């Protein structure tokens, strides 16, 4: 059986953004929120996803990743300017 959810104390800017997004899809704000709630509920949490995929947070430093990407990409075309 469908349930009703009420959200209080939404900032005016947030509500205005929801109205704009709903208008872009030619739907109401409640329909937009219903779709987003359905999408959110269907996605696993980060913890569940990591557990299911067997992945673990990495201890590789960001600088190492960026250096590897720079090596892989090569020089930037405008590096000489």
Protein backbone atom coordinates (compact mmCIF):
# COMPACT_ATOMS: atom_id res chain seq x y z
CA UNK A 1 0.00 0.00 0.00
CA UNK A 2 1.41 3.43 -0.92
CA UNK A 3 2.73 5.62 1.88
CA UNK A 4 2.81 9.40 2.22
CA UNK A 5 5.97 11.29 3.13
CA UNK A 6 5.97 14.90 4.24
CA UNK A 7 9.15 16.98 4.21
CA UNK A 8 9.20 20.15 6.28
CA UNK A 9 11.49 23.16 6.39
CA UNK A 10 12.68 23.09 2.77
CA UNK A 11 14.64 26.25 1.91
CA UNK A 12 12.99 28.54 -0.63
CA UNK A 13 15.97 28.15 -2.99
CA UNK A 14 15.73 24.36 -2.84
CA UNK A 15 12.00 24.40 -3.52
CA UNK A 16 12.45 26.81 -6.41
CA UNK A 17 15.09 24.50 -7.90
CA UNK A 18 12.71 21.54 -7.56
CA UNK A 19 9.96 23.50 -9.31
CA UNK A 20 12.34 24.36 -12.17
CA UNK A 21 13.51 20.76 -12.56
CA UNK A 22 9.96 19.43 -12.49
CA UNK A 23 8.89 22.00 -15.09
CA UNK A 24 11.75 20.90 -17.37
CA UNK A 25 10.25 17.39 -17.41
CA UNK A 26 6.67 18.72 -17.50
CA UNK A 27 5.80 16.98 -14.22
CA UNK A 28 4.77 18.10 -10.74
CA UNK A 29 7.17 18.48 -7.82
CA UNK A 30 5.59 15.50 -6.02
CA UNK A 31 6.09 13.36 -9.14
CA UNK A 32 9.72 14.51 -9.40
CA UNK A 33 10.32 13.60 -5.75
CA UNK A 34 8.50 10.27 -6.19
CA UNK A 35 10.80 9.37 -9.09
CA UNK A 36 13.92 10.47 -7.22
CA UNK A 37 12.88 8.55 -4.09
CA UNK A 38 12.32 5.42 -6.20
CA UNK A 39 15.73 5.84 -7.84
CA UNK A 40 17.44 6.41 -4.48
CA UNK A 41 15.75 3.41 -2.88
CA UNK A 42 16.79 1.14 -5.74
CA UNK A 43 20.49 1.94 -5.40
CA UNK A 44 22.66 0.09 -2.91
CA UNK A 45 24.46 2.00 -0.20
CA UNK A 46 28.18 2.57 -0.73
CA UNK A 47 28.94 0.04 2.01
CA UNK A 48 26.69 -2.60 0.39
CA UNK A 49 28.17 -1.94 -3.06
CA UNK A 50 31.74 -2.25 -1.79
CA UNK A 51 30.83 -5.47 0.00
CA UNK A 52 29.07 -6.93 -3.04
CA UNK A 53 31.81 -6.07 -5.51
CA UNK A 54 34.63 -7.10 -3.20
CA UNK A 55 36.21 -3.68 -3.47
CA UNK A 56 37.82 -1.94 -0.60
CA UNK A 57 38.73 1.70 -0.13
CA UNK A 58 42.19 2.33 -1.50
CA UNK A 59 45.17 3.70 0.37
CA UNK A 60 46.76 5.03 -2.83
CA UNK A 61 47.65 8.71 -2.51
CA UNK A 62 45.89 11.20 -4.75
CA UNK A 63 49.25 12.60 -5.89
CA UNK A 64 50.29 9.13 -7.10
CA UNK A 65 47.07 8.76 -9.08
CA UNK A 66 47.46 12.21 -10.65
CA UNK A 67 51.10 11.52 -11.54
CA UNK A 68 50.13 8.24 -13.20
CA UNK A 69 47.37 9.96 -15.17
CA UNK A 70 49.81 12.67 -16.30
CA UNK A 71 52.27 9.99 -17.47
CA UNK A 72 49.52 8.13 -19.30
CA UNK A 73 48.13 11.25 -20.99
CA UNK A 74 51.49 12.66 -22.06
CA UNK A 75 52.23 16.32 -22.52
CA UNK A 76 49.42 18.82 -22.90
CA UNK A 77 49.17 20.24 -26.43
CA UNK A 78 49.62 23.82 -25.21
CA UNK A 79 52.41 23.04 -22.71
CA UNK A 80 54.94 25.08 -24.71
CA UNK A 81 52.93 28.29 -24.55
